[in-house]
Amino acid sequence: KKVDGKKLEPMEQIFIDCEDAFMGV
């Protein structure tokens, strides 16, 4: 989208549940 000359894009909230060993990658 373009609002007031600014380019906007759709955003997502990402919720991740994983083992702590994979947190870094």
PDB file of all heavy atoms in Angstrom:
ATOM      1  N   LYS A   1       0.854  -1.195   0.000  1.00  0.00           N
ATOM      2  CA  LYS A   1       0.000   0.000   0.000  1.00  0.00           C
ATOM      3  C   LYS A   1       0.888   1.243   0.000  1.00  0.00           C
ATOM      4  O   LYS A   1       2.022   1.178   0.483  1.00  0.00           O
ATOM      5  CB  LYS A   1      -0.857   0.040   1.271  1.00  0.00           C
ATOM      6  CG  LYS A   1      -2.080  -0.816   1.259  1.00  0.00           C
ATOM      7  CD  LYS A   1      -2.826  -0.571   2.554  1.00  0.00           C
ATOM      8  CE  LYS A   1      -4.114  -1.377   2.608  1.00  0.00           C
ATOM      9  NZ  LYS A   1      -4.811  -1.160   3.890  1.00  0.00           N
ATOM     10  N   LYS A   2       0.380   2.330  -0.507  1.00  0.00           N
ATOM     11  CA  LYS A   2       1.087   3.613  -0.402  1.00  0.00           C
ATOM     12  C   LYS A   2       0.197   4.592   0.345  1.00  0.00           C
ATOM     13  O   LYS A   2      -0.936   4.852  -0.066  1.00  0.00           O
ATOM     14  CB  LYS A   2       1.431   4.154  -1.793  1.00  0.00           C
ATOM     15  CG  LYS A   2       2.740   3.609  -2.329  1.00  0.00           C
ATOM     16  CD  LYS A   2       3.481   4.654  -3.130  1.00  0.00           C
ATOM     17  CE  LYS A   2       4.921   4.198  -3.381  1.00  0.00           C
ATOM     18  NZ  LYS A   2       5.670   5.142  -4.179  1.00  0.00           N
ATOM     19  N   VAL A   3       0.691   5.092   1.480  1.00  0.00           N
ATOM     20  CA  VAL A   3      -0.053   6.057   2.295  1.00  0.00           C
ATOM     21  C   VAL A   3       0.857   7.250   2.565  1.00  0.00           C
ATOM     22  O   VAL A   3       1.960   7.075   3.114  1.00  0.00           O
ATOM     23  CB  VAL A   3      -0.518   5.422   3.627  1.00  0.00           C
ATOM     24  CG1 VAL A   3      -1.239   6.449   4.478  1.00  0.00           C
ATOM     25  CG2 VAL A   3      -1.403   4.212   3.376  1.00  0.00           C
ATOM     26  N   ASP A   4       0.416   8.429   2.149  1.00  0.00           N
ATOM     27  CA  ASP A   4       1.202   9.664   2.325  1.00  0.00           C
ATOM     28  C   ASP A   4       2.615   9.522   1.753  1.00  0.00           C
ATOM     29  O   ASP A   4       3.608   9.978   2.349  1.00  0.00           O
ATOM     30  CB  ASP A   4       1.295  10.045   3.812  1.00  0.00           C
ATOM     31  CG  ASP A   4      -0.075  10.298   4.423  1.00  0.00           C
ATOM     32  OD1 ASP A   4      -0.969  10.740   3.671  1.00  0.00           O
ATOM     33  OD2 ASP A   4      -0.254  10.036   5.619  1.00  0.00           O
ATOM     34  N   GLY A   5       2.707   8.853   0.607  1.00  0.00           N
ATOM     35  CA  GLY A   5       4.002   8.697  -0.053  1.00  0.00           C
ATOM     36  C   GLY A   5       4.882   7.610   0.537  1.00  0.00           C
ATOM     37  O   GLY A   5       5.973   7.337   0.039  1.00  0.00           O
ATOM     38  N   LYS A   6       4.410   6.950   1.621  1.00  0.00           N
ATOM     39  CA  LYS A   6       5.190   5.893   2.257  1.00  0.00           C
ATOM     40  C   LYS A   6       4.732   4.529   1.738  1.00  0.00           C
ATOM     41  O   LYS A   6       3.531   4.292   1.566  1.00  0.00           O
ATOM     42  CB  LYS A   6       4.993   5.918   3.775  1.00  0.00           C
ATOM     43  CG  LYS A   6       5.892   6.879   4.506  1.00  0.00           C
ATOM     44  CD  LYS A   6       5.708   6.665   6.006  1.00  0.00           C
ATOM     45  CE  LYS A   6       6.683   7.522   6.799  1.00  0.00           C
ATOM     46  NZ  LYS A   6       6.514   7.309   8.255  1.00  0.00           N
ATOM     47  N   LYS A   7       5.689   3.639   1.535  1.00  0.00           N
ATOM     48  CA  LYS A   7       5.372   2.277   1.105  1.00  0.00           C
ATOM     49  C   LYS A   7       5.122   1.417   2.346  1.00  0.00           C
ATOM     50  O   LYS A   7       5.991   1.302   3.217  1.00  0.00           O
ATOM     51  CB  LYS A   7       6.535   1.701   0.287  1.00  0.00           C
ATOM     52  CG  LYS A   7       6.245   0.337  -0.329  1.00  0.00           C
ATOM     53  CD  LYS A   7       7.423  -0.123  -1.162  1.00  0.00           C
ATOM     54  CE  LYS A   7       7.156  -1.452  -1.830  1.00  0.00           C
ATOM     55  NZ  LYS A   7       8.311  -1.933  -2.607  1.00  0.00           N
ATOM     56  N   LEU A   8       3.918   0.851   2.430  1.00  0.00           N
ATOM     57  CA  LEU A   8       3.557  -0.006   3.561  1.00  0.00           C
ATOM     58  C   LEU A   8       3.411  -1.443   3.088  1.00  0.00           C
ATOM     59  O   LEU A   8       3.019  -1.699   1.950  1.00  0.00           O
ATOM     60  CB  LEU A   8       2.246   0.455   4.201  1.00  0.00           C
ATOM     61  CG  LEU A   8       2.165   1.913   4.674  1.00  0.00           C
ATOM     62  CD1 LEU A   8       0.806   2.185   5.312  1.00  0.00           C
ATOM     63  CD2 LEU A   8       3.281   2.231   5.652  1.00  0.00           C
ATOM     64  N   GLU A   9       3.710  -2.392   3.974  1.00  0.00           N
ATOM     65  CA  GLU A   9       3.570  -3.809   3.634  1.00  0.00           C
ATOM     66  C   GLU A   9       2.856  -4.549   4.765  1.00  0.00           C
ATOM     67  O   GLU A   9       2.906  -4.119   5.924  1.00  0.00           O
ATOM     68  CB  GLU A   9       4.940  -4.442   3.375  1.00  0.00           C
ATOM     69  CG  GLU A   9       5.862  -4.498   4.567  1.00  0.00           C
ATOM     70  CD  GLU A   9       7.141  -5.270   4.261  1.00  0.00           C
ATOM     71  OE1 GLU A   9       7.105  -6.145   3.396  1.00  0.00           O
ATOM     72  OE2 GLU A   9       8.166  -4.986   4.896  1.00  0.00           O
ATOM     73  N   PRO A  10       2.170  -5.662   4.449  1.00  0.00           N
ATOM     74  CA  PRO A  10       1.480  -6.425   5.496  1.00  0.00           C
ATOM     75  C   PRO A  10       2.474  -7.071   6.455  1.00  0.00           C
ATOM     76  O   PRO A  10       3.520  -7.557   6.035  1.00  0.00           O
ATOM     77  CB  PRO A  10       0.692  -7.488   4.716  1.00  0.00           C
ATOM     78  CG  PRO A  10       1.345  -7.577   3.388  1.00  0.00           C
ATOM     79  CD  PRO A  10       1.958  -6.243   3.118  1.00  0.00           C
ATOM     80  N   MET A  11       2.146  -7.038   7.735  1.00  0.00           N
ATOM     81  CA  MET A  11       3.016  -7.590   8.773  1.00  0.00           C
ATOM     82  C   MET A  11       2.328  -8.760   9.464  1.00  0.00           C
ATOM     83  O   MET A  11       1.103  -8.862   9.483  1.00  0.00           O
ATOM     84  CB  MET A  11       3.361  -6.520   9.812  1.00  0.00           C
ATOM     85  CG  MET A  11       3.921  -5.228   9.240  1.00  0.00           C
ATOM     86  SD  MET A  11       5.462  -5.439   8.348  1.00  0.00           S
ATOM     87  CE  MET A  11       6.573  -5.734   9.699  1.00  0.00           C
ATOM     88  N   GLU A  12       3.132  -9.629  10.032  1.00  0.00           N
ATOM     89  CA  GLU A  12       2.628 -10.798  10.754  1.00  0.00           C
ATOM     90  C   GLU A  12       3.257 -10.844  12.140  1.00  0.00           C
ATOM     91  O   GLU A  12       4.418 -10.480  12.320  1.00  0.00           O
ATOM     92  CB  GLU A  12       2.994 -12.101  10.026  1.00  0.00           C
ATOM     93  CG  GLU A  12       2.512 -12.206   8.607  1.00  0.00           C
ATOM     94  CD  GLU A  12       1.107 -12.727   8.482  1.00  0.00           C
ATOM     95  OE1 GLU A  12       0.605 -13.322   9.454  1.00  0.00           O
ATOM     96  OE2 GLU A  12       0.507 -12.540   7.405  1.00  0.00           O
ATOM     97  N   GLN A  13       2.458 -11.308  13.102  1.00  0.00           N
ATOM     98  CA  GLN A  13       3.026 -11.706  14.386  1.00  0.00           C
ATOM     99  C   GLN A  13       3.334 -13.187  14.280  1.00  0.00           C
ATOM    100  O   GLN A  13       2.464 -13.983  13.902  1.00  0.00           O
ATOM    101  CB  GLN A  13       2.020 -11.477  15.515  1.00  0.00           C
ATOM    102  CG  GLN A  13       2.023 -10.070  16.071  1.00  0.00           C
ATOM    103  CD  GLN A  13       1.024  -9.948  17.200  1.00  0.00           C
ATOM    104  OE1 GLN A  13      -0.183  -9.923  16.955  1.00  0.00           O
ATOM    105  NE2 GLN A  13       1.503  -9.881  18.418  1.00  0.00           N
ATOM    106  N   ILE A  14       4.575 -13.565  14.593  1.00  0.00           N
ATOM    107  CA  ILE A  14       4.991 -14.969  14.512  1.00  0.00           C
ATOM    108  C   ILE A  14       5.192 -15.490  15.932  1.00  0.00           C
ATOM    109  O   ILE A  14       5.934 -14.894  16.721  1.00  0.00           O
ATOM    110  CB  ILE A  14       6.290 -15.125  13.704  1.00  0.00           C
ATOM    111  CG1 ILE A  14       6.159 -14.469  12.330  1.00  0.00           C
ATOM    112  CG2 ILE A  14       6.667 -16.590  13.559  1.00  0.00           C
ATOM    113  CD1 ILE A  14       7.433 -14.470  11.520  1.00  0.00           C
ATOM    114  N   PHE A  15       4.520 -16.587  16.253  1.00  0.00           N
ATOM    115  CA  PHE A  15       4.654 -17.222  17.567  1.00  0.00           C
ATOM    116  C   PHE A  15       5.338 -18.569  17.367  1.00  0.00           C
ATOM    117  O   PHE A  15       4.837 -19.425  16.631  1.00  0.00           O
ATOM    118  CB  PHE A  15       3.275 -17.420  18.203  1.00  0.00           C
ATOM    119  CG  PHE A  15       2.503 -16.145  18.378  1.00  0.00           C
ATOM    120  CD1 PHE A  15       1.752 -15.616  17.336  1.00  0.00           C
ATOM    121  CD2 PHE A  15       2.527 -15.464  19.578  1.00  0.00           C
ATOM    122  CE1 PHE A  15       1.037 -14.442  17.486  1.00  0.00           C
ATOM    123  CE2 PHE A  15       1.811 -14.282  19.738  1.00  0.00           C
ATOM    124  CZ  PHE A  15       1.074 -13.774  18.699  1.00  0.00           C
ATOM    125  N   ILE A  16       6.486 -18.763  18.030  1.00  0.00           N
ATOM    126  CA  ILE A  16       7.287 -19.979  17.825  1.00  0.00           C
ATOM    127  C   ILE A  16       7.489 -20.687  19.155  1.00  0.00           C
ATOM    128  O   ILE A  16       7.811 -20.056  20.171  1.00  0.00           O
ATOM    129  CB  ILE A  16       8.633 -19.637  17.168  1.00  0.00           C
ATOM    130  CG1 ILE A  16       8.405 -19.324  15.687  1.00  0.00           C
ATOM    131  CG2 ILE A  16       9.644 -20.765  17.320  1.00  0.00           C
ATOM    132  CD1 ILE A  16       9.593 -18.873  14.930  1.00  0.00           C
ATOM    133  N   ASP A  17       7.254 -22.000  19.149  1.00  0.00           N
ATOM    134  CA  ASP A  17       7.511 -22.858  20.306  1.00  0.00           C
ATOM    135  C   ASP A  17       8.483 -23.930  19.829  1.00  0.00           C
ATOM    136  O   ASP A  17       8.143 -24.738  18.961  1.00  0.00           O
ATOM    137  CB  ASP A  17       6.188 -23.472  20.779  1.00  0.00           C
ATOM    138  CG  ASP A  17       6.352 -24.295  22.046  1.00  0.00           C
ATOM    139  OD1 ASP A  17       7.422 -24.899  22.218  1.00  0.00           O
ATOM    140  OD2 ASP A  17       5.411 -24.355  22.854  1.00  0.00           O
ATOM    141  N   CYS A  18       9.709 -23.923  20.375  1.00  0.00           N
ATOM    142  CA  CYS A  18      10.706 -24.911  19.932  1.00  0.00           C
ATOM    143  C   CYS A  18      11.653 -25.238  21.080  1.00  0.00           C
ATOM    144  O   CYS A  18      11.640 -24.589  22.138  1.00  0.00           O
ATOM    145  CB  CYS A  18      11.493 -24.385  18.727  1.00  0.00           C
ATOM    146  SG  CYS A  18      12.569 -22.992  19.098  1.00  0.00           S
ATOM    147  N   GLU A  19      12.474 -26.263  20.870  1.00  0.00           N
ATOM    148  CA  GLU A  19      13.474 -26.626  21.871  1.00  0.00           C
ATOM    149  C   GLU A  19      14.522 -25.521  21.945  1.00  0.00           C
ATOM    150  O   GLU A  19      14.864 -24.905  20.920  1.00  0.00           O
ATOM    151  CB  GLU A  19      14.121 -27.964  21.502  1.00  0.00           C
ATOM    152  CG  GLU A  19      13.159 -29.143  21.616  1.00  0.00           C
ATOM    153  CD  GLU A  19      13.802 -30.459  21.200  1.00  0.00           C
ATOM    154  OE1 GLU A  19      15.042 -30.531  21.183  1.00  0.00           O
ATOM    155  OE2 GLU A  19      13.052 -31.406  20.888  1.00  0.00           O
ATOM    156  N   ASP A  20      15.054 -25.291  23.165  1.00  0.00           N
ATOM    157  CA  ASP A  20      15.980 -24.163  23.328  1.00  0.00           C
ATOM    158  C   ASP A  20      17.264 -24.321  22.513  1.00  0.00           C
ATOM    159  O   ASP A  20      17.938 -23.337  22.203  1.00  0.00           O
ATOM    160  CB  ASP A  20      16.302 -23.916  24.802  1.00  0.00           C
ATOM    161  CG  ASP A  20      16.737 -25.167  25.541  1.00  0.00           C
ATOM    162  OD1 ASP A  20      17.068 -26.168  24.870  1.00  0.00           O
ATOM    163  OD2 ASP A  20      16.751 -25.146  26.790  1.00  0.00           O
ATOM    164  N   ALA A  21      17.586 -25.559  22.115  1.00  0.00           N
ATOM    165  CA  ALA A  21      18.786 -25.782  21.298  1.00  0.00           C
ATOM    166  C   ALA A  21      18.656 -25.149  19.916  1.00  0.00           C
ATOM    167  O   ALA A  21      19.665 -24.846  19.268  1.00  0.00           O
ATOM    168  CB  ALA A  21      19.056 -27.283  21.172  1.00  0.00           C
ATOM    169  N   PHE A  22      17.405 -24.960  19.457  1.00  0.00           N
ATOM    170  CA  PHE A  22      17.190 -24.418  18.109  1.00  0.00           C
ATOM    171  C   PHE A  22      16.914 -22.910  18.120  1.00  0.00           C
ATOM    172  O   PHE A  22      16.653 -22.321  17.078  1.00  0.00           O
ATOM    173  CB  PHE A  22      16.009 -25.131  17.428  1.00  0.00           C
ATOM    174  CG  PHE A  22      16.166 -26.619  17.355  1.00  0.00           C
ATOM    175  CD1 PHE A  22      15.188 -27.476  17.855  1.00  0.00           C
ATOM    176  CD2 PHE A  22      17.311 -27.197  16.810  1.00  0.00           C
ATOM    177  CE1 PHE A  22      15.328 -28.849  17.800  1.00  0.00           C
ATOM    178  CE2 PHE A  22      17.460 -28.570  16.752  1.00  0.00           C
ATOM    179  CZ  PHE A  22      16.475 -29.401  17.245  1.00  0.00           C
ATOM    180  N   MET A  23      16.951 -22.306  19.302  1.00  0.00           N
ATOM    181  CA  MET A  23      16.617 -20.878  19.418  1.00  0.00           C
ATOM    182  C   MET A  23      17.548 -20.027  18.559  1.00  0.00           C
ATOM    183  O   MET A  23      17.110 -19.085  17.890  1.00  0.00           O
ATOM    184  CB  MET A  23      16.711 -20.448  20.881  1.00  0.00           C
ATOM    185  CG  MET A  23      16.278 -19.023  21.137  1.00  0.00           C
ATOM    186  SD  MET A  23      16.178 -18.627  22.885  1.00  0.00           S
ATOM    187  CE  MET A  23      17.911 -18.645  23.330  1.00  0.00           C
ATOM    188  N   GLY A  24      18.846 -20.362  18.550  1.00  0.00           N
ATOM    189  CA  GLY A  24      19.831 -19.576  17.807  1.00  0.00           C
ATOM    190  C   GLY A  24      19.580 -19.569  16.317  1.00  0.00           C
ATOM    191  O   GLY A  24      19.540 -18.509  15.682  1.00  0.00           O
ATOM    192  N   VAL A  25      19.368 -20.759  15.732  1.00  0.00           N
ATOM    193  CA  VAL A  25      19.202 -20.848  14.280  1.00  0.00           C
ATOM    194  C   VAL A  25      17.898 -20.188  13.846  1.00  0.00           C
ATOM    195  O   VAL A  25      17.838 -19.520  12.806  1.00  0.00           O
ATOM    196  CB  VAL A  25      19.295 -22.315  13.794  1.00  0.00           C
ATOM    197  CG1 VAL A  25      18.129 -23.159  14.303  1.00  0.00           C
ATOM    198  CG2 VAL A  25      19.344 -22.377  12.276  1.00  0.00           C
TER     199      VAL A  25
END
